[in-house]
Amino acid sequence: MKRATIVAIAVLALAAMPVWAEQNGTFDWEDGTTTVQGSFGTNVTFENSTEQAHGGTHSLKMIESPLSGTPQGYIWWVTGLVDGDIVTASFWVHDVTPGGNPSGRIWGGYTEFNDDITSYSGSAGGNGDYSGTSEWTQLSHTWTFASDGNDDGLVVHVRLYSGTDGDYIYVDDAAITVSSDTAIVYAPDSSIVPVELMSFSIE
């Protein structure tokens, strides 16, 4: 009888343990003003545009001029990551000329400090796919965070690949999932994505 009681207590203790949640966020530029949190390259401009939209009436317009390098816009920023945390992000890209340039790509970069989105400390890589298979293409990638000792966060970029001066793309309906409820997720408007508890504990 004593043995059965001990087992029951152990089961109850296990049931009372909290199950930590992942964080989920979406952004669609429908506020009419937001563009990006930051950028790489001096030859890129951003507009909150009503010219094209994947959903709703607004999107992000990214324009390269003059033609040089690979300009990038910072969409999501996740800080406070630890090794093993998983980040999955996506957004839709509209090409003016499907099948050629300009085109977009999803990419990631590590940041060293949790208070400076420009504290770039190395490439995190990304998906090898480019937009352009149709007018609107969804680009997505999953990163498993692995710090080299200096990294704290991950910035999700949209990259623009142009063929001529003045090329542009549209970006819309961005989404992110982070397998941590202690990391901080910043949306394109720099607001913090709230933690959404996906499960609960029994007490």
C-alpha atoms as a PDB file:
ATOM      1  CA  MET A   1       0.000   0.000   0.000  1.00  0.00           C
ATOM      2  CA  LYS A   2       2.809   2.364   0.820  1.00  0.00           C
ATOM      3  CA  ARG A   3       4.425   1.725  -2.595  1.00  0.00           C
ATOM      4  CA  ALA A   4       1.203   2.583  -4.463  1.00  0.00           C
ATOM      5  CA  THR A   5       0.930   5.857  -2.532  1.00  0.00           C
ATOM      6  CA  ILE A   6       4.443   6.895  -3.534  1.00  0.00           C
ATOM      7  CA  VAL A   7       3.691   6.213  -7.218  1.00  0.00           C
ATOM      8  CA  ALA A   8       0.502   8.280  -7.032  1.00  0.00           C
ATOM      9  CA  ILE A   9       2.366  11.213  -5.512  1.00  0.00           C
ATOM     10  CA  ALA A  10       4.994  11.033  -8.265  1.00  0.00           C
ATOM     11  CA  VAL A  11       2.296  11.095 -10.971  1.00  0.00           C
ATOM     12  CA  LEU A  12       0.613  14.120  -9.386  1.00  0.00           C
ATOM     13  CA  ALA A  13       3.938  15.939  -9.136  1.00  0.00           C
ATOM     14  CA  LEU A  14       4.612  15.295 -12.827  1.00  0.00           C
ATOM     15  CA  ALA A  15       1.166  16.575 -13.795  1.00  0.00           C
ATOM     16  CA  ALA A  16       1.740  19.784 -11.846  1.00  0.00           C
ATOM     17  CA  MET A  17       4.901  20.649 -13.783  1.00  0.00           C
ATOM     18  CA  PRO A  18       4.353  23.601 -16.165  1.00  0.00           C
ATOM     19  CA  VAL A  19       4.628  22.970 -19.904  1.00  0.00           C
ATOM     20  CA  TRP A  20       6.404  25.972 -21.392  1.00  0.00           C
ATOM     21  CA  ALA A  21       5.022  27.534 -24.526  1.00  0.00           C
ATOM     22  CA  GLU A  22       6.251  28.692 -27.864  1.00  0.00           C
ATOM     23  CA  GLN A  23       5.751  32.226 -29.100  1.00  0.00           C
ATOM     24  CA  ASN A  24       3.833  33.044 -32.276  1.00  0.00           C
ATOM     25  CA  GLY A  25       3.574  36.352 -34.076  1.00  0.00           C
ATOM     26  CA  THR A  26       2.184  37.763 -37.317  1.00  0.00           C
ATOM     27  CA  PHE A  27       2.485  41.145 -39.022  1.00  0.00           C
ATOM     28  CA  ASP A  28       0.745  42.533 -42.119  1.00  0.00           C
ATOM     29  CA  TRP A  29       1.698  46.247 -42.417  1.00  0.00           C
ATOM     30  CA  GLU A  30      -1.982  47.228 -42.171  1.00  0.00           C
ATOM     31  CA  ASP A  31      -1.160  50.068 -39.750  1.00  0.00           C
ATOM     32  CA  GLY A  32      -0.264  52.156 -42.809  1.00  0.00           C
ATOM     33  CA  THR A  33       3.057  53.445 -41.428  1.00  0.00           C
ATOM     34  CA  THR A  34       5.412  50.621 -40.404  1.00  0.00           C
ATOM     35  CA  THR A  35       8.243  49.542 -42.704  1.00  0.00           C
ATOM     36  CA  VAL A  36      11.228  47.655 -41.170  1.00  0.00           C
ATOM     37  CA  GLN A  37      13.246  47.646 -37.937  1.00  0.00           C
ATOM     38  CA  GLY A  38      16.472  48.383 -39.777  1.00  0.00           C
ATOM     39  CA  SER A  39      18.361  47.601 -42.960  1.00  0.00           C
ATOM     40  CA  PHE A  40      21.659  46.686 -44.558  1.00  0.00           C
ATOM     41  CA  GLY A  41      22.844  48.764 -47.498  1.00  0.00           C
ATOM     42  CA  THR A  42      22.674  52.485 -48.198  1.00  0.00           C
ATOM     43  CA  ASN A  43      20.919  51.991 -51.537  1.00  0.00           C
ATOM     44  CA  VAL A  44      17.561  50.706 -50.282  1.00  0.00           C
ATOM     45  CA  THR A  45      14.360  52.483 -49.301  1.00  0.00           C
ATOM     46  CA  PHE A  46      11.148  51.148 -47.779  1.00  0.00           C
ATOM     47  CA  GLU A  47       7.552  52.293 -48.040  1.00  0.00           C
ATOM     48  CA  ASN A  48       4.299  51.182 -46.472  1.00  0.00           C
ATOM     49  CA  SER A  49       2.379  50.774 -49.708  1.00  0.00           C
ATOM     50  CA  THR A  50      -1.178  50.246 -50.960  1.00  0.00           C
ATOM     51  CA  GLU A  51      -0.034  49.318 -54.487  1.00  0.00           C
ATOM     52  CA  GLN A  52      -0.064  45.546 -53.806  1.00  0.00           C
ATOM     53  CA  ALA A  53      -1.190  43.398 -50.868  1.00  0.00           C
ATOM     54  CA  HIS A  54      -1.287  39.679 -50.234  1.00  0.00           C
ATOM     55  CA  GLY A  55      -3.999  40.167 -47.613  1.00  0.00           C
ATOM     56  CA  GLY A  56      -5.721  43.384 -46.638  1.00  0.00           C
ATOM     57  CA  THR A  57      -4.744  46.626 -48.359  1.00  0.00           C
ATOM     58  CA  HIS A  58      -1.122  47.350 -47.314  1.00  0.00           C
ATOM     59  CA  SER A  59       2.298  45.778 -47.751  1.00  0.00           C
ATOM     60  CA  LEU A  60       5.977  46.633 -47.449  1.00  0.00           C
ATOM     61  CA  LYS A  61       7.584  47.993 -50.635  1.00  0.00           C
ATOM     62  CA  MET A  62      11.370  47.544 -50.903  1.00  0.00           C
ATOM     63  CA  ILE A  63      13.222  49.566 -53.578  1.00  0.00           C
ATOM     64  CA  GLU A  64      16.883  49.326 -54.658  1.00  0.00           C
ATOM     65  CA  SER A  65      18.570  52.400 -56.145  1.00  0.00           C
ATOM     66  CA  PRO A  66      21.304  52.640 -57.254  1.00  0.00           C
ATOM     67  CA  LEU A  67      21.931  49.022 -58.214  1.00  0.00           C
ATOM     68  CA  SER A  68      24.634  47.641 -55.913  1.00  0.00           C
ATOM     69  CA  GLY A  69      25.135  44.606 -53.687  1.00  0.00           C
ATOM     70  CA  THR A  70      22.271  42.817 -51.941  1.00  0.00           C
ATOM     71  CA  PRO A  71      20.226  45.203 -49.782  1.00  0.00           C
ATOM     72  CA  GLN A  72      18.302  43.734 -46.855  1.00  0.00           C
ATOM     73  CA  GLY A  73      15.435  44.756 -44.599  1.00  0.00           C
ATOM     74  CA  TYR A  74      15.110  43.540 -41.008  1.00  0.00           C
ATOM     75  CA  ILE A  75      11.673  42.007 -40.408  1.00  0.00           C
ATOM     76  CA  TRP A  76      11.790  40.004 -37.138  1.00  0.00           C
ATOM     77  CA  TRP A  77      14.334  40.243 -34.296  1.00  0.00           C
ATOM     78  CA  VAL A  78      14.544  37.592 -31.579  1.00  0.00           C
ATOM     79  CA  THR A  79      16.817  38.181 -28.575  1.00  0.00           C
ATOM     80  CA  GLY A  80      17.655  36.100 -25.520  1.00  0.00           C
ATOM     81  CA  LEU A  81      17.999  32.861 -27.472  1.00  0.00           C
ATOM     82  CA  VAL A  82      19.876  29.868 -26.074  1.00  0.00           C
ATOM     83  CA  ASP A  83      21.383  26.911 -27.898  1.00  0.00           C
ATOM     84  CA  GLY A  84      18.700  24.590 -29.219  1.00  0.00           C
ATOM     85  CA  ASP A  85      15.955  27.212 -29.511  1.00  0.00           C
ATOM     86  CA  ILE A  86      14.122  26.910 -32.832  1.00  0.00           C
ATOM     87  CA  VAL A  87      12.943  29.902 -34.883  1.00  0.00           C
ATOM     88  CA  THR A  88      10.665  29.481 -37.912  1.00  0.00           C
ATOM     89  CA  ALA A  89       9.752  32.556 -39.949  1.00  0.00           C
ATOM     90  CA  SER A  90       7.994  33.297 -43.211  1.00  0.00           C
ATOM     91  CA  PHE A  91       6.642  36.100 -45.371  1.00  0.00           C
ATOM     92  CA  TRP A  92       5.068  36.494 -48.810  1.00  0.00           C
ATOM     93  CA  VAL A  93       6.894  38.299 -51.622  1.00  0.00           C
ATOM     94  CA  HIS A  94       5.331  39.809 -54.768  1.00  0.00           C
ATOM     95  CA  ASP A  95       7.583  40.129 -57.812  1.00  0.00           C
ATOM     96  CA  VAL A  96       6.840  42.660 -60.517  1.00  0.00           C
ATOM     97  CA  THR A  97       8.232  40.219 -63.116  1.00  0.00           C
ATOM     98  CA  PRO A  98       7.708  36.631 -61.926  1.00  0.00           C
ATOM     99  CA  GLY A  99      10.492  34.294 -63.027  1.00  0.00           C
ATOM    100  CA  GLY A 100      13.251  36.912 -63.134  1.00  0.00           C
ATOM    101  CA  ASN A 101      14.721  39.833 -61.265  1.00  0.00           C
ATOM    102  CA  PRO A 102      13.805  41.494 -59.037  1.00  0.00           C
ATOM    103  CA  SER A 103      13.276  38.698 -56.527  1.00  0.00           C
ATOM    104  CA  GLY A 104      13.303  38.236 -52.780  1.00  0.00           C
ATOM    105  CA  ARG A 105      14.808  35.746 -50.362  1.00  0.00           C
ATOM    106  CA  ILE A 106      14.543  34.984 -46.636  1.00  0.00           C
ATOM    107  CA  TRP A 107      17.780  35.071 -44.652  1.00  0.00           C
ATOM    108  CA  GLY A 108      19.039  35.362 -41.087  1.00  0.00           C
ATOM    109  CA  GLY A 109      21.858  37.055 -39.202  1.00  0.00           C
ATOM    110  CA  TYR A 110      23.084  36.740 -35.620  1.00  0.00           C
ATOM    111  CA  THR A 111      23.304  39.708 -33.268  1.00  0.00           C
ATOM    112  CA  GLU A 112      25.768  39.988 -30.407  1.00  0.00           C
ATOM    113  CA  PHE A 113      23.838  42.336 -28.117  1.00  0.00           C
ATOM    114  CA  ASN A 114      20.175  42.260 -27.072  1.00  0.00           C
ATOM    115  CA  ASP A 115      19.829  46.045 -27.259  1.00  0.00           C
ATOM    116  CA  ASP A 116      21.294  46.692 -30.719  1.00  0.00           C
ATOM    117  CA  ILE A 117      19.760  45.160 -33.844  1.00  0.00           C
ATOM    118  CA  THR A 118      22.786  46.341 -35.848  1.00  0.00           C
ATOM    119  CA  SER A 119      25.281  44.345 -33.713  1.00  0.00           C
ATOM    120  CA  TYR A 120      25.769  41.838 -36.539  1.00  0.00           C
ATOM    121  CA  SER A 121      27.987  38.900 -35.537  1.00  0.00           C
ATOM    122  CA  GLY A 122      27.669  36.557 -38.520  1.00  0.00           C
ATOM    123  CA  SER A 123      25.333  34.992 -41.049  1.00  0.00           C
ATOM    124  CA  ALA A 124      22.727  32.492 -39.873  1.00  0.00           C
ATOM    125  CA  GLY A 125      21.979  31.369 -43.431  1.00  0.00           C
ATOM    126  CA  GLY A 126      18.574  30.903 -44.945  1.00  0.00           C
ATOM    127  CA  ASN A 127      16.485  29.246 -47.573  1.00  0.00           C
ATOM    128  CA  GLY A 128      18.001  28.750 -51.026  1.00  0.00           C
ATOM    129  CA  ASP A 129      14.647  29.504 -52.661  1.00  0.00           C
ATOM    130  CA  TYR A 130      13.901  32.828 -54.332  1.00  0.00           C
ATOM    131  CA  SER A 131      10.517  34.390 -54.908  1.00  0.00           C
ATOM    132  CA  GLY A 132       9.148  34.530 -58.413  1.00  0.00           C
ATOM    133  CA  THR A 133       7.476  31.174 -58.976  1.00  0.00           C
ATOM    134  CA  SER A 134       4.215  33.146 -59.102  1.00  0.00           C
ATOM    135  CA  GLU A 135       3.094  36.698 -58.392  1.00  0.00           C
ATOM    136  CA  TRP A 136       3.049  36.007 -54.643  1.00  0.00           C
ATOM    137  CA  THR A 137       5.505  33.450 -53.235  1.00  0.00           C
ATOM    138  CA  GLN A 138       5.738  32.398 -49.601  1.00  0.00           C
ATOM    139  CA  LEU A 139       9.319  32.136 -48.370  1.00  0.00           C
ATOM    140  CA  SER A 140      10.086  30.367 -45.076  1.00  0.00           C
ATOM    141  CA  HIS A 141      13.015  28.967 -43.135  1.00  0.00           C
ATOM    142  CA  THR A 142      13.750  27.291 -39.793  1.00  0.00           C
ATOM    143  CA  TRP A 143      16.857  28.058 -37.742  1.00  0.00           C
ATOM    144  CA  THR A 144      18.143  26.105 -34.733  1.00  0.00           C
ATOM    145  CA  PHE A 145      20.067  28.593 -32.631  1.00  0.00           C
ATOM    146  CA  ALA A 146      23.682  27.632 -31.941  1.00  0.00           C
ATOM    147  CA  SER A 147      25.806  30.411 -30.489  1.00  0.00           C
ATOM    148  CA  ASP A 148      29.555  30.677 -30.939  1.00  0.00           C
ATOM    149  CA  GLY A 149      29.681  32.320 -27.517  1.00  0.00           C
ATOM    150  CA  ASN A 150      29.061  35.894 -28.659  1.00  0.00           C
ATOM    151  CA  ASP A 151      25.600  35.581 -30.162  1.00  0.00           C
ATOM    152  CA  ASP A 152      22.399  36.507 -28.348  1.00  0.00           C
ATOM    153  CA  GLY A 153      19.801  36.951 -31.053  1.00  0.00           C
ATOM    154  CA  LEU A 154      18.636  36.342 -34.595  1.00  0.00           C
ATOM    155  CA  VAL A 155      17.409  38.869 -37.163  1.00  0.00           C
ATOM    156  CA  VAL A 156      15.184  37.621 -39.999  1.00  0.00           C
ATOM    157  CA  HIS A 157      15.940  39.549 -43.210  1.00  0.00           C
ATOM    158  CA  VAL A 158      14.259  39.995 -46.549  1.00  0.00           C
ATOM    159  CA  ARG A 159      16.907  40.212 -49.269  1.00  0.00           C
ATOM    160  CA  LEU A 160      16.338  42.002 -52.575  1.00  0.00           C
ATOM    161  CA  TYR A 161      18.033  40.752 -55.749  1.00  0.00           C
ATOM    162  CA  SER A 162      17.699  43.322 -58.536  1.00  0.00           C
ATOM    163  CA  GLY A 163      18.516  43.426 -62.213  1.00  0.00           C
ATOM    164  CA  THR A 164      18.174  47.138 -62.884  1.00  0.00           C
ATOM    165  CA  ASP A 165      18.272  50.377 -60.933  1.00  0.00           C
ATOM    166  CA  GLY A 166      14.945  51.076 -59.252  1.00  0.00           C
ATOM    167  CA  ASP A 167      13.794  47.452 -58.991  1.00  0.00           C
ATOM    168  CA  TYR A 168      11.346  46.722 -56.170  1.00  0.00           C
ATOM    169  CA  ILE A 169       9.376  43.950 -54.484  1.00  0.00           C
ATOM    170  CA  TYR A 170       6.473  43.827 -52.036  1.00  0.00           C
ATOM    171  CA  VAL A 171       6.478  41.887 -48.753  1.00  0.00           C
ATOM    172  CA  ASP A 172       3.376  40.963 -46.747  1.00  0.00           C
ATOM    173  CA  ASP A 173       1.879  38.643 -44.116  1.00  0.00           C
ATOM    174  CA  ALA A 174       4.998  37.862 -42.076  1.00  0.00           C
ATOM    175  CA  ALA A 175       4.829  35.155 -39.408  1.00  0.00           C
ATOM    176  CA  ILE A 176       7.175  33.749 -36.772  1.00  0.00           C
ATOM    177  CA  THR A 177       7.259  30.904 -34.241  1.00  0.00           C
ATOM    178  CA  VAL A 178       9.918  30.627 -31.509  1.00  0.00           C
ATOM    179  CA  SER A 179      10.271  27.527 -29.336  1.00  0.00           C
ATOM    180  CA  SER A 180      10.969  29.552 -26.211  1.00  0.00           C
ATOM    181  CA  ASP A 181       8.816  31.572 -23.860  1.00  0.00           C
ATOM    182  CA  THR A 182      11.787  33.445 -22.426  1.00  0.00           C
ATOM    183  CA  ALA A 183      13.200  34.872 -25.662  1.00  0.00           C
ATOM    184  CA  ILE A 184      11.936  38.319 -26.717  1.00  0.00           C
ATOM    185  CA  VAL A 185      10.420  38.614 -30.206  1.00  0.00           C
ATOM    186  CA  TYR A 186      10.215  42.033 -31.869  1.00  0.00           C
ATOM    187  CA  ALA A 187       7.756  42.607 -34.735  1.00  0.00           C
ATOM    188  CA  PRO A 188       8.498  44.908 -37.703  1.00  0.00           C
ATOM    189  CA  ASP A 189       7.048  47.868 -35.766  1.00  0.00           C
ATOM    190  CA  SER A 190       9.472  47.052 -32.884  1.00  0.00           C
ATOM    191  CA  SER A 191       6.623  46.002 -30.595  1.00  0.00           C
ATOM    192  CA  ILE A 192       7.193  42.902 -28.477  1.00  0.00           C
ATOM    193  CA  VAL A 193       5.216  39.816 -29.458  1.00  0.00           C
ATOM    194  CA  PRO A 194       3.336  38.565 -26.361  1.00  0.00           C
ATOM    195  CA  VAL A 195       3.938  35.052 -25.068  1.00  0.00           C
ATOM    196  CA  GLU A 196       1.062  32.727 -25.958  1.00  0.00           C
ATOM    197  CA  LEU A 197       0.758  29.777 -23.602  1.00  0.00           C
ATOM    198  CA  MET A 198      -0.156  26.810 -25.764  1.00  0.00           C
ATOM    199  CA  SER A 199      -0.739  24.467 -22.814  1.00  0.00           C
ATOM    200  CA  PHE A 200      -1.277  24.650 -19.082  1.00  0.00           C
ATOM    201  CA  SER A 201      -0.300  22.820 -15.912  1.00  0.00           C
ATOM    202  CA  ILE A 202      -2.555  20.964 -13.471  1.00  0.00           C
ATOM    203  CA  GLU A 203      -2.128  21.833  -9.800  1.00  0.00           C
END
